[in-house]
Amino acid sequence: MKTIQKMYEHLNWANQRILEALQNVEVKDQQVSLFTHILYSEQVWITRIKGKDSSQMPIWSDGDLEVCEKLIKQNEDNFKTLLTEIAKTDLDNLISYTNSKGKEFKTSTRDILTHVALHGQYHRGQINSRIRAEGFEPVNTDYITFVR
């Protein structure tokens, strides 16, 4: 569980760094769209882990950096609570959920939490690539930078 908790500390740190970077460059809609996708997806997975219906929640939705700032805070608080609650359970318990296309799945809590952390890192890399393409310096969100 300690590794997963550390991954989520990194996730929160990296989301905050991306937000700050986007606040300091000329932002394109694609960058904000990717960032809101990360943050809305985090909410979807939190909902699924809690055993609630996420089928009507947005995965891709409009938003601006103010929306992103609010979502970051909500997600950070929700993940802290969730990780505290599930620390006493078996991470290999299966979570049943229906994806946005209506298909049903069962996935372990451990695999979902790992997916969410890696999913965000993937899209933060895409955002950084776009920041660089616009002539700005991308922000370092590497895990090793975080732990140093």
C-alpha atoms as a PDB file:
ATOM      1  CA  MET A   1       0.000   0.000   0.000  1.00  0.00           C
ATOM      2  CA  LYS A   2       2.914   2.357   0.654  1.00  0.00           C
ATOM      3  CA  THR A   3       3.910   2.242  -3.024  1.00  0.00           C
ATOM      4  CA  ILE A   4       0.400   3.120  -4.140  1.00  0.00           C
ATOM      5  CA  GLN A   5       0.189   5.963  -1.635  1.00  0.00           C
ATOM      6  CA  LYS A   6       3.510   7.309  -2.929  1.00  0.00           C
ATOM      7  CA  MET A   7       2.220   7.049  -6.519  1.00  0.00           C
ATOM      8  CA  TYR A   8      -0.756   9.214  -5.540  1.00  0.00           C
ATOM      9  CA  GLU A   9       1.414  11.756  -3.798  1.00  0.00           C
ATOM     10  CA  HIS A  10       3.312  11.939  -7.093  1.00  0.00           C
ATOM     11  CA  LEU A  11       0.070  12.151  -9.098  1.00  0.00           C
ATOM     12  CA  ASN A  12      -1.111  15.136  -7.014  1.00  0.00           C
ATOM     13  CA  TRP A  13       2.283  16.832  -7.265  1.00  0.00           C
ATOM     14  CA  ALA A  14       2.474  16.275 -11.032  1.00  0.00           C
ATOM     15  CA  ASN A  15      -1.070  17.553 -11.616  1.00  0.00           C
ATOM     16  CA  GLN A  16      -0.237  20.699  -9.656  1.00  0.00           C
ATOM     17  CA  ARG A  17       2.963  21.230 -11.669  1.00  0.00           C
ATOM     18  CA  ILE A  18       1.109  20.844 -14.972  1.00  0.00           C
ATOM     19  CA  LEU A  19      -1.537  23.316 -13.805  1.00  0.00           C
ATOM     20  CA  GLU A  20       1.146  25.852 -12.892  1.00  0.00           C
ATOM     21  CA  ALA A  21       2.891  25.332 -16.230  1.00  0.00           C
ATOM     22  CA  LEU A  22      -0.345  25.843 -18.164  1.00  0.00           C
ATOM     23  CA  GLN A  23      -1.067  28.988 -16.142  1.00  0.00           C
ATOM     24  CA  ASN A  24       2.270  30.419 -17.293  1.00  0.00           C
ATOM     25  CA  VAL A  25       2.140  29.715 -21.037  1.00  0.00           C
ATOM     26  CA  GLU A  26      -0.200  30.570 -23.861  1.00  0.00           C
ATOM     27  CA  VAL A  27      -2.592  27.674 -23.472  1.00  0.00           C
ATOM     28  CA  LYS A  28      -4.152  25.838 -26.384  1.00  0.00           C
ATOM     29  CA  ASP A  29      -7.524  24.089 -26.162  1.00  0.00           C
ATOM     30  CA  GLN A  30      -5.866  20.702 -26.779  1.00  0.00           C
ATOM     31  CA  GLN A  31      -3.703  21.054 -23.677  1.00  0.00           C
ATOM     32  CA  VAL A  32      -6.629  21.979 -21.443  1.00  0.00           C
ATOM     33  CA  SER A  33      -8.757  19.231 -22.999  1.00  0.00           C
ATOM     34  CA  LEU A  34      -6.121  16.612 -22.161  1.00  0.00           C
ATOM     35  CA  PHE A  35      -5.757  17.970 -18.650  1.00  0.00           C
ATOM     36  CA  THR A  36      -9.500  17.973 -17.946  1.00  0.00           C
ATOM     37  CA  HIS A  37      -9.602  14.426 -19.345  1.00  0.00           C
ATOM     38  CA  ILE A  38      -7.016  13.327 -16.762  1.00  0.00           C
ATOM     39  CA  LEU A  39      -8.937  14.965 -13.939  1.00  0.00           C
ATOM     40  CA  TYR A  40     -12.422  13.819 -14.972  1.00  0.00           C
ATOM     41  CA  SER A  41     -11.093  10.284 -15.476  1.00  0.00           C
ATOM     42  CA  GLU A  42      -9.698  10.327 -11.951  1.00  0.00           C
ATOM     43  CA  GLN A  43     -13.192  11.194 -10.688  1.00  0.00           C
ATOM     44  CA  VAL A  44     -14.732   8.378 -12.718  1.00  0.00           C
ATOM     45  CA  TRP A  45     -12.352   5.817 -11.228  1.00  0.00           C
ATOM     46  CA  ILE A  46     -12.897   7.102  -7.677  1.00  0.00           C
ATOM     47  CA  THR A  47     -16.623   6.647  -8.235  1.00  0.00           C
ATOM     48  CA  ARG A  48     -16.141   3.125  -9.584  1.00  0.00           C
ATOM     49  CA  ILE A  49     -13.918   2.062  -6.696  1.00  0.00           C
ATOM     50  CA  LYS A  50     -16.616   3.287  -4.311  1.00  0.00           C
ATOM     51  CA  GLY A  51     -19.060   0.961  -6.078  1.00  0.00           C
ATOM     52  CA  LYS A  52     -21.174   3.748  -7.562  1.00  0.00           C
ATOM     53  CA  ASP A  53     -22.431   4.200 -11.110  1.00  0.00           C
ATOM     54  CA  SER A  54     -20.058   6.252 -13.260  1.00  0.00           C
ATOM     55  CA  SER A  55     -21.738   5.644 -16.612  1.00  0.00           C
ATOM     56  CA  GLN A  56     -23.107   9.187 -16.904  1.00  0.00           C
ATOM     57  CA  MET A  57     -19.955  10.956 -15.742  1.00  0.00           C
ATOM     58  CA  PRO A  58     -17.903  12.881 -18.293  1.00  0.00           C
ATOM     59  CA  ILE A  59     -14.534  11.571 -19.387  1.00  0.00           C
ATOM     60  CA  TRP A  60     -13.981  14.241 -22.017  1.00  0.00           C
ATOM     61  CA  SER A  61     -15.590  17.542 -21.110  1.00  0.00           C
ATOM     62  CA  ASP A  62     -15.068  21.235 -21.619  1.00  0.00           C
ATOM     63  CA  GLY A  63     -13.304  23.171 -18.963  1.00  0.00           C
ATOM     64  CA  ASP A  64     -10.742  25.838 -18.304  1.00  0.00           C
ATOM     65  CA  LEU A  65      -7.827  26.139 -15.918  1.00  0.00           C
ATOM     66  CA  GLU A  66     -10.114  27.307 -13.098  1.00  0.00           C
ATOM     67  CA  VAL A  67     -12.125  24.093 -13.506  1.00  0.00           C
ATOM     68  CA  CYS A  68      -8.860  22.126 -13.502  1.00  0.00           C
ATOM     69  CA  GLU A  69      -7.746  23.803 -10.284  1.00  0.00           C
ATOM     70  CA  LYS A  70     -11.017  22.831  -8.558  1.00  0.00           C
ATOM     71  CA  LEU A  71     -10.873  19.261  -9.888  1.00  0.00           C
ATOM     72  CA  ILE A  72      -7.281  18.834  -8.690  1.00  0.00           C
ATOM     73  CA  LYS A  73      -8.274  19.777  -5.150  1.00  0.00           C
ATOM     74  CA  GLN A  74     -11.411  17.589  -5.185  1.00  0.00           C
ATOM     75  CA  ASN A  75      -9.501  14.607  -6.550  1.00  0.00           C
ATOM     76  CA  GLU A  76      -6.640  15.016  -4.105  1.00  0.00           C
ATOM     77  CA  ASP A  77      -9.058  15.084  -1.164  1.00  0.00           C
ATOM     78  CA  ASN A  78     -11.078  12.165  -2.532  1.00  0.00           C
ATOM     79  CA  PHE A  79      -7.996  10.016  -3.179  1.00  0.00           C
ATOM     80  CA  LYS A  80      -6.626  10.697   0.314  1.00  0.00           C
ATOM     81  CA  THR A  81      -9.912   9.588   1.851  1.00  0.00           C
ATOM     82  CA  LEU A  82     -10.232   6.619  -0.481  1.00  0.00           C
ATOM     83  CA  LEU A  83      -6.681   5.402   0.113  1.00  0.00           C
ATOM     84  CA  THR A  84      -7.196   5.642   3.868  1.00  0.00           C
ATOM     85  CA  GLU A  85     -10.416   3.628   3.614  1.00  0.00           C
ATOM     86  CA  ILE A  86      -9.051   0.909   1.342  1.00  0.00           C
ATOM     87  CA  ALA A  87      -5.775   0.533   3.252  1.00  0.00           C
ATOM     88  CA  LYS A  88      -7.669  -1.857   5.522  1.00  0.00           C
ATOM     89  CA  THR A  89      -9.009  -3.977   2.661  1.00  0.00           C
ATOM     90  CA  ASP A  90      -7.581  -6.394   0.143  1.00  0.00           C
ATOM     91  CA  LEU A  91      -6.292  -4.485  -2.881  1.00  0.00           C
ATOM     92  CA  ASP A  92      -6.930  -7.568  -4.977  1.00  0.00           C
ATOM     93  CA  ASN A  93     -10.701  -7.319  -4.387  1.00  0.00           C
ATOM     94  CA  LEU A  94     -12.521  -7.039  -7.689  1.00  0.00           C
ATOM     95  CA  ILE A  95     -14.481  -3.915  -8.537  1.00  0.00           C
ATOM     96  CA  SER A  96     -17.436  -4.363 -10.909  1.00  0.00           C
ATOM     97  CA  TYR A  97     -18.204  -1.408 -13.161  1.00  0.00           C
ATOM     98  CA  THR A  98     -19.613  -0.445 -16.525  1.00  0.00           C
ATOM     99  CA  ASN A  99     -17.459   1.666 -18.815  1.00  0.00           C
ATOM    100  CA  SER A 100     -18.643   4.675 -20.822  1.00  0.00           C
ATOM    101  CA  LYS A 101     -19.566   2.388 -23.735  1.00  0.00           C
ATOM    102  CA  GLY A 102     -21.804   0.235 -21.557  1.00  0.00           C
ATOM    103  CA  LYS A 103     -19.458  -2.750 -21.295  1.00  0.00           C
ATOM    104  CA  GLU A 104     -19.140  -4.454 -17.905  1.00  0.00           C
ATOM    105  CA  PHE A 105     -15.790  -5.285 -16.319  1.00  0.00           C
ATOM    106  CA  LYS A 106     -14.288  -6.583 -13.087  1.00  0.00           C
ATOM    107  CA  THR A 107     -10.850  -5.278 -12.183  1.00  0.00           C
ATOM    108  CA  SER A 108      -8.865  -5.361  -8.941  1.00  0.00           C
ATOM    109  CA  THR A 109      -8.569  -2.216  -6.875  1.00  0.00           C
ATOM    110  CA  ARG A 110      -4.784  -2.520  -7.181  1.00  0.00           C
ATOM    111  CA  ASP A 111      -4.920  -2.596 -10.993  1.00  0.00           C
ATOM    112  CA  ILE A 112      -7.358   0.317 -11.152  1.00  0.00           C
ATOM    113  CA  LEU A 113      -5.188   2.464  -8.892  1.00  0.00           C
ATOM    114  CA  THR A 114      -2.099   1.598 -10.927  1.00  0.00           C
ATOM    115  CA  HIS A 115      -3.939   2.402 -14.158  1.00  0.00           C
ATOM    116  CA  VAL A 116      -5.095   5.812 -12.923  1.00  0.00           C
ATOM    117  CA  ALA A 117      -1.567   6.833 -11.931  1.00  0.00           C
ATOM    118  CA  LEU A 118      -0.093   5.675 -15.256  1.00  0.00           C
ATOM    119  CA  HIS A 119      -2.954   7.125 -17.314  1.00  0.00           C
ATOM    120  CA  GLY A 120      -2.322  10.590 -15.898  1.00  0.00           C
ATOM    121  CA  GLN A 121       1.411  10.337 -16.484  1.00  0.00           C
ATOM    122  CA  TYR A 122       0.829   9.376 -20.116  1.00  0.00           C
ATOM    123  CA  HIS A 123      -1.406  12.377 -20.795  1.00  0.00           C
ATOM    124  CA  ARG A 124       0.814  14.787 -18.824  1.00  0.00           C
ATOM    125  CA  GLY A 125       3.573  13.710 -21.234  1.00  0.00           C
ATOM    126  CA  GLN A 126       1.311  14.610 -24.157  1.00  0.00           C
ATOM    127  CA  ILE A 127       0.626  18.015 -22.611  1.00  0.00           C
ATOM    128  CA  ASN A 128       4.361  18.571 -22.144  1.00  0.00           C
ATOM    129  CA  SER A 129       5.003  17.654 -25.788  1.00  0.00           C
ATOM    130  CA  ARG A 130       2.495  20.283 -26.867  1.00  0.00           C
ATOM    131  CA  ILE A 131       4.020  22.854 -24.508  1.00  0.00           C
ATOM    132  CA  ARG A 132       7.428  22.204 -26.101  1.00  0.00           C
ATOM    133  CA  ALA A 133       5.945  22.408 -29.619  1.00  0.00           C
ATOM    134  CA  GLU A 134       4.642  25.882 -28.759  1.00  0.00           C
ATOM    135  CA  GLY A 135       8.181  26.958 -27.869  1.00  0.00           C
ATOM    136  CA  PHE A 136       7.895  26.788 -24.087  1.00  0.00           C
ATOM    137  CA  GLU A 137       9.863  24.715 -21.599  1.00  0.00           C
ATOM    138  CA  PRO A 138       7.914  21.623 -20.489  1.00  0.00           C
ATOM    139  CA  VAL A 139       7.589  20.931 -16.785  1.00  0.00           C
ATOM    140  CA  ASN A 140       9.426  17.976 -15.277  1.00  0.00           C
ATOM    141  CA  THR A 141       6.899  15.584 -13.748  1.00  0.00           C
ATOM    142  CA  ASP A 142       9.238  12.594 -13.509  1.00  0.00           C
ATOM    143  CA  TYR A 143       8.730  10.422 -10.453  1.00  0.00           C
ATOM    144  CA  ILE A 144      12.452  10.553  -9.607  1.00  0.00           C
ATOM    145  CA  THR A 145      12.301  14.355  -9.519  1.00  0.00           C
ATOM    146  CA  PHE A 146       9.365  14.098  -7.122  1.00  0.00           C
ATOM    147  CA  VAL A 147      11.128  11.740  -4.708  1.00  0.00           C
ATOM    148  CA  ARG A 148      14.357  13.723  -4.666  1.00  0.00           C
END
